[in-house]
């Protein structure tokens, strides 16, 4: 890992310069889709986890195939070899998304700051025939997935285990709720 520069991730993707100006990670906990994405974007956001400008920048994606605790690990990816990690790039070209999933990478990802920040280093080349390679270090911040954000006006979801039971509610000085029979609307009594 000593060969990877401590500067931000940079290089060339499909013959164009790439600099990781924004680094964030997202955890997807949906059953059957559990994964962690680390997104390195060639764009900036005005605020942490805010919209990127430009909105659809070139990105390098690192994906870990689980949503549980991310192990501090060194990763080596070889094309066609099984791995819990995958690395690819994605960018808009002539109005359509272009990507490459064939990558050979070395890197290190370390969990820090009580789970709110991931630090890492990456050196990767893609098998796109265009000598697309990037290398450097990153600090990715935890950004909640859009699917996990509360909807405006909706009550936040509570875990059933977080609600007090009838016996513990009395001990806490709370009056337990009892099911009630809905009353008829006015005018229909």
N, C-alpha and C. Protein backbone atom coordinates (compact mmCIF):
# COMPACT_ATOMS: atom_id res chain seq x y z
N UNK A 1 0.80 -1.19 0.00
CA UNK A 1 0.00 0.00 0.00
C UNK A 1 0.86 1.27 0.00
N UNK A 2 2.12 1.15 0.35
CA UNK A 2 2.98 2.33 0.40
C UNK A 2 3.12 2.98 -0.96
N UNK A 3 2.89 2.24 -2.05
CA UNK A 3 3.05 2.79 -3.39
C UNK A 3 1.88 3.70 -3.79
N UNK A 4 0.76 3.68 -3.06
CA UNK A 4 -0.39 4.52 -3.39
C UNK A 4 -0.19 5.90 -2.78
N UNK A 5 -0.32 6.93 -3.60
CA UNK A 5 -0.09 8.31 -3.14
C UNK A 5 -1.12 8.74 -2.10
N UNK A 6 -0.72 9.67 -1.24
CA UNK A 6 -1.64 10.19 -0.22
C UNK A 6 -2.48 11.35 -0.75
N UNK A 7 -2.27 11.75 -2.01
CA UNK A 7 -3.10 12.80 -2.61
C UNK A 7 -4.47 12.21 -2.96
N UNK A 8 -5.44 13.09 -3.29
CA UNK A 8 -6.77 12.58 -3.64
C UNK A 8 -6.70 11.66 -4.85
N UNK A 9 -7.69 10.78 -4.95
CA UNK A 9 -7.74 9.84 -6.07
C UNK A 9 -7.83 10.65 -7.37
N UNK A 10 -6.91 10.35 -8.29
CA UNK A 10 -6.90 11.06 -9.57
C UNK A 10 -6.26 10.19 -10.64
N UNK A 11 -6.48 10.56 -11.87
CA UNK A 11 -5.93 9.83 -13.00
C UNK A 11 -6.70 10.16 -14.26
N UNK A 12 -6.93 9.13 -15.09
CA UNK A 12 -7.67 9.32 -16.34
C UNK A 12 -8.72 8.22 -16.45
N UNK A 13 -9.92 8.61 -16.89
CA UNK A 13 -11.00 7.67 -17.14
C UNK A 13 -11.50 7.93 -18.56
N UNK A 14 -11.41 6.93 -19.41
CA UNK A 14 -11.78 7.04 -20.82
C UNK A 14 -11.12 8.25 -21.49
N UNK A 15 -9.83 8.38 -21.27
CA UNK A 15 -8.98 9.42 -21.87
C UNK A 15 -9.23 10.82 -21.31
N UNK A 16 -10.10 10.99 -20.31
CA UNK A 16 -10.35 12.31 -19.73
C UNK A 16 -9.78 12.35 -18.31
N UNK A 17 -9.30 13.52 -17.87
CA UNK A 17 -8.78 13.63 -16.50
C UNK A 17 -9.89 13.38 -15.48
N UNK A 18 -9.52 12.74 -14.36
CA UNK A 18 -10.46 12.46 -13.27
C UNK A 18 -9.80 12.86 -11.96
N UNK A 19 -10.53 13.61 -11.12
CA UNK A 19 -10.09 13.95 -9.77
C UNK A 19 -11.28 13.73 -8.85
N UNK A 20 -11.10 12.96 -7.78
CA UNK A 20 -12.19 12.71 -6.83
C UNK A 20 -12.36 13.94 -5.94
N UNK A 21 -13.32 14.79 -6.28
CA UNK A 21 -13.59 16.01 -5.53
C UNK A 21 -14.61 15.78 -4.42
N UNK A 22 -15.34 14.67 -4.48
CA UNK A 22 -16.34 14.32 -3.47
C UNK A 22 -16.22 12.82 -3.21
N UNK A 23 -16.22 12.45 -1.94
CA UNK A 23 -16.16 11.02 -1.56
C UNK A 23 -17.22 10.79 -0.50
N UNK A 24 -18.11 9.84 -0.75
CA UNK A 24 -19.17 9.52 0.21
C UNK A 24 -19.45 8.03 0.15
N UNK A 25 -20.06 7.54 1.22
CA UNK A 25 -20.47 6.14 1.18
C UNK A 25 -21.91 6.02 1.60
N UNK A 26 -22.56 4.99 1.05
CA UNK A 26 -23.97 4.73 1.31
C UNK A 26 -24.14 3.27 1.68
N UNK A 27 -24.99 3.00 2.65
CA UNK A 27 -25.26 1.63 3.08
C UNK A 27 -26.69 1.30 2.66
N UNK A 28 -26.86 0.24 1.91
CA UNK A 28 -28.18 -0.23 1.49
C UNK A 28 -28.49 -1.48 2.30
N UNK A 29 -29.52 -1.40 3.15
CA UNK A 29 -29.87 -2.52 4.02
C UNK A 29 -31.12 -3.26 3.56
N UNK A 30 -31.63 -2.96 2.37
CA UNK A 30 -32.83 -3.62 1.89
C UNK A 30 -32.56 -5.12 1.73
N UNK A 31 -33.49 -5.96 2.23
CA UNK A 31 -33.28 -7.41 2.13
C UNK A 31 -33.03 -7.85 0.68
N UNK A 32 -31.98 -8.62 0.51
CA UNK A 32 -31.62 -9.11 -0.81
C UNK A 32 -30.76 -8.15 -1.61
N UNK A 33 -30.58 -6.93 -1.12
CA UNK A 33 -29.78 -5.93 -1.84
C UNK A 33 -28.69 -5.34 -0.96
N UNK A 34 -28.39 -5.96 0.16
CA UNK A 34 -27.44 -5.41 1.11
C UNK A 34 -26.07 -5.18 0.49
N UNK A 35 -25.60 -3.94 0.58
CA UNK A 35 -24.26 -3.62 0.10
C UNK A 35 -23.86 -2.24 0.62
N UNK A 36 -22.59 -1.94 0.50
CA UNK A 36 -22.04 -0.63 0.84
C UNK A 36 -21.35 -0.10 -0.41
N UNK A 37 -21.72 1.11 -0.83
CA UNK A 37 -21.09 1.75 -1.98
C UNK A 37 -20.22 2.90 -1.49
N UNK A 38 -19.01 2.97 -1.99
CA UNK A 38 -18.14 4.13 -1.79
C UNK A 38 -18.08 4.81 -3.16
N UNK A 39 -18.53 6.07 -3.23
CA UNK A 39 -18.63 6.79 -4.49
C UNK A 39 -17.61 7.92 -4.51
N UNK A 40 -16.72 7.89 -5.46
CA UNK A 40 -15.71 8.93 -5.66
C UNK A 40 -16.11 9.68 -6.92
N UNK A 41 -16.50 10.95 -6.76
CA UNK A 41 -17.06 11.71 -7.88
C UNK A 41 -16.15 12.85 -8.31
N UNK A 42 -16.11 13.07 -9.61
CA UNK A 42 -15.37 14.21 -10.17
C UNK A 42 -16.31 15.41 -10.22
N UNK A 43 -16.82 15.81 -9.06
CA UNK A 43 -17.72 16.96 -8.90
C UNK A 43 -17.71 17.32 -7.43
N UNK A 44 -18.20 18.53 -7.13
CA UNK A 44 -18.24 18.98 -5.74
C UNK A 44 -19.68 19.21 -5.31
N UNK A 45 -19.90 19.11 -3.99
CA UNK A 45 -21.18 19.46 -3.39
C UNK A 45 -20.96 20.70 -2.53
N UNK A 46 -21.96 21.57 -2.46
CA UNK A 46 -21.86 22.78 -1.64
C UNK A 46 -21.84 22.44 -0.15
N UNK A 47 -22.52 21.34 0.23
CA UNK A 47 -22.57 20.90 1.62
C UNK A 47 -22.41 19.39 1.66
N UNK A 48 -22.06 18.87 2.83
CA UNK A 48 -21.85 17.43 2.99
C UNK A 48 -23.11 16.68 2.54
N UNK A 49 -22.93 15.69 1.72
CA UNK A 49 -24.00 14.83 1.19
C UNK A 49 -24.99 15.57 0.31
N UNK A 50 -24.69 16.80 -0.06
CA UNK A 50 -25.60 17.58 -0.91
C UNK A 50 -25.49 17.19 -2.36
N UNK A 51 -26.32 17.83 -3.19
CA UNK A 51 -26.28 17.55 -4.63
C UNK A 51 -24.93 17.92 -5.23
N UNK A 52 -24.51 17.13 -6.17
CA UNK A 52 -23.24 17.38 -6.84
C UNK A 52 -23.43 18.32 -8.01
N UNK A 53 -22.38 19.10 -8.30
CA UNK A 53 -22.42 20.00 -9.44
C UNK A 53 -21.13 19.80 -10.24
N UNK A 54 -21.26 19.25 -11.45
CA UNK A 54 -22.45 18.90 -12.20
C UNK A 54 -23.17 17.69 -11.60
N UNK A 55 -24.46 17.55 -11.94
CA UNK A 55 -25.31 16.54 -11.31
C UNK A 55 -24.96 15.10 -11.66
N UNK A 56 -24.39 14.87 -12.83
CA UNK A 56 -24.07 13.50 -13.26
C UNK A 56 -22.59 13.40 -13.61
N UNK A 57 -21.73 13.49 -12.59
CA UNK A 57 -20.29 13.49 -12.86
C UNK A 57 -19.75 12.09 -13.09
N UNK A 58 -18.56 11.99 -13.67
CA UNK A 58 -17.88 10.70 -13.70
C UNK A 58 -17.65 10.22 -12.26
N UNK A 59 -17.79 8.91 -12.05
CA UNK A 59 -17.63 8.34 -10.71
C UNK A 59 -16.86 7.04 -10.76
N UNK A 60 -16.11 6.82 -9.68
CA UNK A 60 -15.51 5.51 -9.42
C UNK A 60 -16.33 4.92 -8.27
N UNK A 61 -16.78 3.70 -8.44
CA UNK A 61 -17.59 3.02 -7.43
C UNK A 61 -16.80 1.86 -6.84
N UNK A 62 -16.78 1.79 -5.52
CA UNK A 62 -16.29 0.59 -4.84
C UNK A 62 -17.51 0.01 -4.14
N UNK A 63 -17.81 -1.24 -4.35
CA UNK A 63 -18.97 -1.86 -3.73
C UNK A 63 -18.53 -3.07 -2.91
N UNK A 64 -18.99 -3.09 -1.66
CA UNK A 64 -18.75 -4.22 -0.77
C UNK A 64 -20.07 -4.97 -0.66
N UNK A 65 -20.06 -6.27 -0.90
CA UNK A 65 -21.28 -7.06 -1.04
C UNK A 65 -21.88 -7.51 0.29
N UNK A 66 -22.09 -6.58 1.21
CA UNK A 66 -22.78 -6.84 2.48
C UNK A 66 -23.07 -5.49 3.11
N UNK A 67 -24.04 -5.43 4.02
CA UNK A 67 -24.37 -4.17 4.68
C UNK A 67 -24.01 -4.21 6.16
N UNK A 68 -23.42 -5.29 6.60
CA UNK A 68 -22.99 -5.38 7.99
C UNK A 68 -21.77 -4.53 8.22
N UNK A 69 -21.13 -4.70 9.35
CA UNK A 69 -19.92 -3.91 9.62
C UNK A 69 -18.88 -4.12 8.52
N UNK A 70 -18.33 -3.04 8.06
CA UNK A 70 -17.32 -3.10 7.01
C UNK A 70 -15.98 -3.41 7.64
N UNK A 71 -15.35 -4.50 7.26
CA UNK A 71 -14.07 -4.81 7.87
C UNK A 71 -12.97 -3.89 7.34
N UNK A 72 -12.10 -3.46 8.25
CA UNK A 72 -10.91 -2.74 7.79
C UNK A 72 -10.10 -3.77 7.02
N UNK A 73 -9.89 -3.50 5.76
CA UNK A 73 -9.27 -4.56 4.96
C UNK A 73 -8.43 -3.99 3.84
N UNK A 74 -7.49 -4.80 3.43
CA UNK A 74 -6.78 -4.54 2.20
C UNK A 74 -7.47 -5.37 1.14
N UNK A 75 -7.66 -4.79 -0.02
CA UNK A 75 -8.35 -5.53 -1.05
C UNK A 75 -7.49 -5.63 -2.29
N UNK A 76 -7.57 -6.75 -2.91
CA UNK A 76 -6.92 -6.97 -4.19
C UNK A 76 -7.98 -7.58 -5.08
N UNK A 77 -8.21 -6.97 -6.22
CA UNK A 77 -9.23 -7.45 -7.15
C UNK A 77 -8.55 -7.82 -8.45
N UNK A 78 -8.84 -9.00 -8.93
CA UNK A 78 -8.33 -9.44 -10.22
C UNK A 78 -9.52 -9.73 -11.12
N UNK A 79 -9.48 -9.34 -12.39
CA UNK A 79 -10.60 -9.61 -13.29
C UNK A 79 -10.97 -11.08 -13.29
N UNK A 80 -12.24 -11.36 -13.11
CA UNK A 80 -12.74 -12.73 -13.13
C UNK A 80 -12.58 -13.50 -11.84
N UNK A 81 -11.85 -12.96 -10.86
CA UNK A 81 -11.65 -13.66 -9.60
C UNK A 81 -12.74 -13.27 -8.61
N UNK A 82 -13.25 -14.23 -7.82
CA UNK A 82 -14.29 -13.89 -6.85
C UNK A 82 -13.75 -12.95 -5.76
N UNK A 83 -14.58 -11.98 -5.35
CA UNK A 83 -14.18 -11.02 -4.33
C UNK A 83 -15.44 -10.44 -3.70
N UNK A 84 -15.36 -10.07 -2.42
CA UNK A 84 -16.47 -9.37 -1.77
C UNK A 84 -16.55 -7.93 -2.26
N UNK A 85 -15.50 -7.45 -2.92
CA UNK A 85 -15.44 -6.09 -3.44
C UNK A 85 -15.55 -6.09 -4.96
N UNK A 86 -16.12 -5.03 -5.50
CA UNK A 86 -16.04 -4.79 -6.94
C UNK A 86 -15.74 -3.30 -7.14
N UNK A 87 -15.07 -2.99 -8.22
CA UNK A 87 -14.72 -1.61 -8.55
C UNK A 87 -15.09 -1.38 -10.01
N UNK A 88 -15.78 -0.26 -10.26
CA UNK A 88 -16.05 0.10 -11.64
C UNK A 88 -16.17 1.62 -11.76
N UNK A 89 -16.18 2.12 -12.98
CA UNK A 89 -16.42 3.54 -13.20
C UNK A 89 -17.72 3.69 -13.97
N UNK A 90 -18.25 4.93 -13.92
CA UNK A 90 -19.48 5.24 -14.64
C UNK A 90 -19.41 6.72 -15.03
N UNK A 91 -19.75 7.01 -16.27
CA UNK A 91 -19.79 8.40 -16.73
C UNK A 91 -20.74 8.55 -17.90
N UNK A 92 -21.18 9.79 -18.12
CA UNK A 92 -22.06 10.10 -19.25
C UNK A 92 -21.20 10.40 -20.47
N UNK A 93 -21.56 9.80 -21.58
CA UNK A 93 -20.85 10.05 -22.82
C UNK A 93 -21.89 10.04 -23.94
N UNK A 94 -21.98 11.14 -24.65
CA UNK A 94 -22.91 11.27 -25.77
C UNK A 94 -24.34 10.92 -25.34
N UNK A 95 -24.72 11.40 -24.15
CA UNK A 95 -26.09 11.23 -23.68
C UNK A 95 -26.43 9.88 -23.07
N UNK A 96 -25.45 9.00 -22.91
CA UNK A 96 -25.74 7.69 -22.29
C UNK A 96 -24.67 7.36 -21.27
N UNK A 97 -25.03 6.47 -20.34
CA UNK A 97 -24.07 6.04 -19.31
C UNK A 97 -23.12 5.01 -19.89
N UNK A 98 -21.86 5.18 -19.61
CA UNK A 98 -20.81 4.25 -20.02
C UNK A 98 -20.11 3.79 -18.76
N UNK A 99 -19.80 2.49 -18.69
CA UNK A 99 -19.11 2.00 -17.49
C UNK A 99 -18.16 0.88 -17.87
N UNK A 100 -17.32 0.55 -16.90
CA UNK A 100 -16.43 -0.60 -17.05
C UNK A 100 -16.38 -1.32 -15.71
N UNK A 101 -16.69 -2.60 -15.72
CA UNK A 101 -16.65 -3.41 -14.51
C UNK A 101 -15.41 -4.30 -14.45
N UNK A 102 -14.67 -4.36 -15.53
CA UNK A 102 -13.46 -5.18 -15.54
C UNK A 102 -12.32 -4.35 -14.98
N UNK A 103 -11.93 -4.66 -13.75
CA UNK A 103 -10.90 -3.86 -13.10
C UNK A 103 -9.93 -4.75 -12.35
N UNK A 104 -8.71 -4.28 -12.27
CA UNK A 104 -7.71 -4.88 -11.40
C UNK A 104 -7.34 -3.79 -10.41
N UNK A 105 -7.46 -4.07 -9.13
CA UNK A 105 -7.25 -3.01 -8.14
C UNK A 105 -6.50 -3.53 -6.93
N UNK A 106 -5.79 -2.62 -6.30
CA UNK A 106 -5.27 -2.86 -4.97
C UNK A 106 -5.76 -1.69 -4.14
N UNK A 107 -5.93 -1.87 -2.88
CA UNK A 107 -6.39 -0.76 -2.07
C UNK A 107 -6.52 -1.14 -0.63
N UNK A 108 -6.88 -0.17 0.17
CA UNK A 108 -7.08 -0.38 1.58
C UNK A 108 -8.24 0.50 2.01
N UNK A 109 -9.18 -0.06 2.76
CA UNK A 109 -10.30 0.70 3.27
C UNK A 109 -10.31 0.52 4.78
N UNK A 110 -10.38 1.62 5.52
CA UNK A 110 -10.33 1.58 6.98
C UNK A 110 -11.51 2.36 7.54
N UNK A 111 -12.23 1.76 8.47
CA UNK A 111 -13.34 2.42 9.14
C UNK A 111 -12.79 3.28 10.26
N UNK A 112 -13.26 4.54 10.34
CA UNK A 112 -12.76 5.45 11.38
C UNK A 112 -13.89 6.36 11.85
N UNK A 113 -13.62 7.17 12.88
CA UNK A 113 -14.56 8.17 13.39
C UNK A 113 -15.94 7.59 13.70
N UNK A 114 -16.00 6.56 14.52
CA UNK A 114 -17.25 5.97 14.99
C UNK A 114 -18.20 5.61 13.85
N UNK A 115 -17.67 5.14 12.75
CA UNK A 115 -18.53 4.67 11.67
C UNK A 115 -19.05 5.76 10.76
N UNK A 116 -18.67 7.01 10.91
CA UNK A 116 -19.17 8.09 10.07
C UNK A 116 -18.22 8.43 8.92
N UNK A 117 -17.02 7.88 8.95
CA UNK A 117 -16.03 8.19 7.92
C UNK A 117 -15.30 6.91 7.52
N UNK A 118 -15.06 6.77 6.24
CA UNK A 118 -14.21 5.69 5.73
C UNK A 118 -12.99 6.33 5.10
N UNK A 119 -11.83 5.89 5.50
CA UNK A 119 -10.61 6.36 4.85
C UNK A 119 -10.06 5.21 4.03
N UNK A 120 -9.42 5.55 2.95
CA UNK A 120 -8.89 4.48 2.13
C UNK A 120 -7.92 4.97 1.09
N UNK A 121 -7.36 4.02 0.39
CA UNK A 121 -6.44 4.28 -0.71
C UNK A 121 -6.78 3.30 -1.81
N UNK A 122 -6.60 3.72 -3.02
CA UNK A 122 -7.01 2.90 -4.15
C UNK A 122 -6.06 3.12 -5.32
N UNK A 123 -5.74 2.05 -6.00
CA UNK A 123 -5.01 2.12 -7.26
C UNK A 123 -5.69 1.11 -8.17
N UNK A 124 -6.28 1.59 -9.25
CA UNK A 124 -7.06 0.69 -10.11
C UNK A 124 -6.87 1.06 -11.58
N UNK A 125 -6.82 0.03 -12.42
CA UNK A 125 -6.83 0.19 -13.87
C UNK A 125 -7.98 -0.65 -14.41
N UNK A 126 -8.66 -0.12 -15.41
CA UNK A 126 -9.83 -0.78 -15.99
C UNK A 126 -9.50 -1.34 -17.36
N UNK A 127 -10.09 -2.49 -17.69
CA UNK A 127 -9.85 -3.16 -18.96
C UNK A 127 -10.78 -2.61 -20.03
N UNK A 128 -10.66 -1.30 -20.33
CA UNK A 128 -11.52 -0.68 -21.34
C UNK A 128 -10.76 -0.37 -22.63
N UNK A 129 -9.48 -0.72 -22.69
CA UNK A 129 -8.69 -0.45 -23.87
C UNK A 129 -8.30 1.02 -24.02
N UNK A 130 -8.57 1.84 -23.00
CA UNK A 130 -8.29 3.27 -23.08
C UNK A 130 -7.31 3.73 -21.99
N UNK A 131 -6.66 2.78 -21.36
CA UNK A 131 -5.69 3.06 -20.28
C UNK A 131 -6.31 3.91 -19.16
N UNK A 132 -7.53 3.55 -18.76
CA UNK A 132 -8.20 4.24 -17.66
C UNK A 132 -7.64 3.73 -16.34
N UNK A 133 -6.95 4.61 -15.62
CA UNK A 133 -6.34 4.25 -14.33
C UNK A 133 -6.47 5.44 -13.39
N UNK A 134 -6.76 5.16 -12.11
CA UNK A 134 -6.77 6.20 -11.08
C UNK A 134 -6.06 5.65 -9.85
N UNK A 135 -5.52 6.57 -9.06
CA UNK A 135 -4.81 6.17 -7.86
C UNK A 135 -4.83 7.33 -6.87
N UNK A 136 -4.85 7.00 -5.58
CA UNK A 136 -4.78 8.02 -4.54
C UNK A 136 -5.55 7.61 -3.30
N UNK A 137 -5.73 8.57 -2.41
CA UNK A 137 -6.38 8.32 -1.12
C UNK A 137 -7.70 9.08 -1.06
N UNK A 138 -8.59 8.65 -0.16
CA UNK A 138 -9.87 9.32 -0.01
C UNK A 138 -10.34 9.23 1.44
N UNK A 139 -11.22 10.15 1.81
CA UNK A 139 -11.95 10.13 3.07
C UNK A 139 -13.41 10.28 2.68
N UNK A 140 -14.18 9.21 2.80
CA UNK A 140 -15.59 9.21 2.41
C UNK A 140 -16.47 9.41 3.63
N UNK A 141 -17.46 10.31 3.50
CA UNK A 141 -18.38 10.56 4.60
C UNK A 141 -19.64 9.73 4.43
N UNK A 142 -20.27 9.39 5.54
CA UNK A 142 -21.50 8.61 5.55
C UNK A 142 -22.65 9.49 5.09
N UNK A 143 -23.29 9.13 3.99
CA UNK A 143 -24.46 9.83 3.48
C UNK A 143 -25.60 8.83 3.39
N UNK A 144 -26.72 9.10 4.07
CA UNK A 144 -27.83 8.14 4.03
C UNK A 144 -28.39 8.02 2.62
N UNK A 145 -28.82 6.84 2.30
CA UNK A 145 -29.45 6.60 1.01
C UNK A 145 -30.76 7.37 0.95
N UNK A 146 -31.13 7.81 -0.24
CA UNK A 146 -32.40 8.53 -0.41
C UNK A 146 -33.56 7.69 0.08
N UNK A 147 -33.47 6.38 -0.05
CA UNK A 147 -34.56 5.51 0.36
C UNK A 147 -34.71 5.47 1.88
N UNK A 148 -33.65 5.80 2.62
CA UNK A 148 -33.70 5.79 4.08
C UNK A 148 -34.09 7.13 4.69
N UNK A 149 -34.14 8.20 3.88
CA UNK A 149 -34.47 9.51 4.42
C UNK A 149 -35.97 9.57 4.72
N UNK A 150 -36.35 10.20 5.85
CA UNK A 150 -37.78 10.31 6.13
C UNK A 150 -38.47 11.20 5.10
N UNK A 151 -39.71 10.87 4.81
CA UNK A 151 -40.51 11.66 3.89
C UNK A 151 -41.08 12.84 4.66
N UNK A 152 -41.05 14.02 4.06
CA UNK A 152 -41.52 15.22 4.73
C UNK A 152 -42.96 15.01 5.22
N UNK A 153 -43.20 15.29 6.49
CA UNK A 153 -44.53 15.17 7.07
C UNK A 153 -44.83 13.80 7.64
N UNK A 154 -43.95 12.83 7.41
CA UNK A 154 -44.19 11.48 7.93
C UNK A 154 -43.52 11.33 9.28
N UNK A 155 -44.11 10.53 10.12
CA UNK A 155 -43.52 10.24 11.41
C UNK A 155 -42.33 9.31 11.20
N UNK A 156 -41.26 9.50 11.97
CA UNK A 156 -40.15 8.55 11.84
C UNK A 156 -40.58 7.17 12.31
N UNK A 157 -40.04 6.16 11.66
CA UNK A 157 -40.39 4.79 12.03
C UNK A 157 -39.78 4.45 13.37
N UNK A 158 -40.53 3.72 14.19
CA UNK A 158 -40.03 3.28 15.48
C UNK A 158 -39.84 1.78 15.44
N UNK A 159 -38.85 1.34 16.12
CA UNK A 159 -38.62 -0.09 16.25
C UNK A 159 -39.59 -0.63 17.29
N UNK A 160 -40.25 -1.75 17.04
CA UNK A 160 -41.15 -2.30 18.05
C UNK A 160 -40.46 -2.53 19.39
N UNK A 161 -39.17 -2.84 19.38
CA UNK A 161 -38.47 -3.07 20.64
C UNK A 161 -38.23 -1.76 21.39
N UNK A 162 -38.36 -0.62 20.71
CA UNK A 162 -38.16 0.67 21.36
C UNK A 162 -39.40 1.15 22.08
N UNK A 163 -40.55 0.56 21.78
CA UNK A 163 -41.79 0.97 22.43
C UNK A 163 -41.90 0.29 23.79
N UNK A 164 -42.37 1.03 24.84
CA UNK A 164 -42.49 0.41 26.15
C UNK A 164 -43.64 -0.59 26.19
N UNK A 165 -43.45 -1.68 26.93
CA UNK A 165 -44.53 -2.65 27.12
C UNK A 165 -45.48 -2.10 28.16
N UNK A 166 -46.66 -2.70 28.29
CA UNK A 166 -47.66 -2.22 29.25
C UNK A 166 -47.10 -2.26 30.66
N UNK A 167 -46.36 -3.33 31.02
CA UNK A 167 -45.83 -3.43 32.38
C UNK A 167 -44.72 -2.41 32.63
N UNK A 168 -43.84 -2.19 31.64
CA UNK A 168 -42.78 -1.21 31.85
C UNK A 168 -43.30 0.21 31.73
N UNK A 169 -44.40 0.42 31.00
CA UNK A 169 -44.97 1.76 30.88
C UNK A 169 -45.47 2.24 32.24
N UNK A 170 -46.14 1.35 32.98
CA UNK A 170 -46.62 1.72 34.32
C UNK A 170 -45.48 2.06 35.24
N UNK A 171 -44.40 1.28 35.17
CA UNK A 171 -43.24 1.53 36.03
C UNK A 171 -42.58 2.87 35.69
N UNK A 172 -42.73 3.30 34.45
CA UNK A 172 -42.15 4.57 34.03
C UNK A 172 -43.10 5.75 34.26
N UNK A 173 -44.31 5.45 34.81
CA UNK A 173 -45.29 6.51 35.04
C UNK A 173 -46.06 6.88 33.79
N UNK A 174 -46.07 6.00 32.80
CA UNK A 174 -46.81 6.26 31.57
C UNK A 174 -48.12 5.51 31.60
N UNK A 175 -49.12 6.03 30.95
CA UNK A 175 -50.39 5.33 30.85
C UNK A 175 -50.38 4.53 29.56
N UNK A 176 -50.49 3.18 29.69
CA UNK A 176 -50.47 2.39 28.47
C UNK A 176 -51.70 2.67 27.61
N UNK A 177 -51.50 2.64 26.31
CA UNK A 177 -52.62 2.84 25.40
C UNK A 177 -53.42 1.56 25.30
N UNK A 178 -54.72 1.72 25.24
CA UNK A 178 -55.59 0.57 25.04
C UNK A 178 -56.28 0.76 23.71
N UNK A 179 -56.53 -0.34 23.02
CA UNK A 179 -57.22 -0.20 21.74
C UNK A 179 -58.59 0.43 21.97
N UNK A 180 -58.97 1.31 21.08
CA UNK A 180 -60.28 1.94 21.20
C UNK A 180 -61.12 1.62 19.98
N UNK A 181 -62.42 1.69 20.18
CA UNK A 181 -63.33 1.47 19.07
C UNK A 181 -63.51 2.79 18.37
N UNK A 182 -63.30 2.84 17.06
CA UNK A 182 -63.44 4.11 16.38
C UNK A 182 -64.88 4.61 16.47
N UNK A 183 -65.02 5.90 16.71
CA UNK A 183 -66.36 6.47 16.77
C UNK A 183 -66.82 6.81 15.38
N UNK A 184 -68.15 6.86 15.23
CA UNK A 184 -68.72 7.18 13.91
C UNK A 184 -68.53 8.66 13.63
N UNK A 185 -68.32 9.04 12.38
CA UNK A 185 -68.20 10.44 12.04
C UNK A 185 -69.46 11.21 12.44
N UNK A 186 -69.28 12.48 12.74
CA UNK A 186 -70.43 13.31 13.11
C UNK A 186 -71.47 13.27 11.99
N UNK A 187 -72.73 13.19 12.43
CA UNK A 187 -73.82 13.16 11.47
C UNK A 187 -74.24 11.75 11.12
N UNK A 188 -73.47 10.74 11.56
CA UNK A 188 -73.80 9.34 11.28
C UNK A 188 -74.05 8.57 12.57
N UNK A 189 -74.39 9.27 13.67
CA UNK A 189 -74.59 8.60 14.96
C UNK A 189 -75.91 7.95 15.03
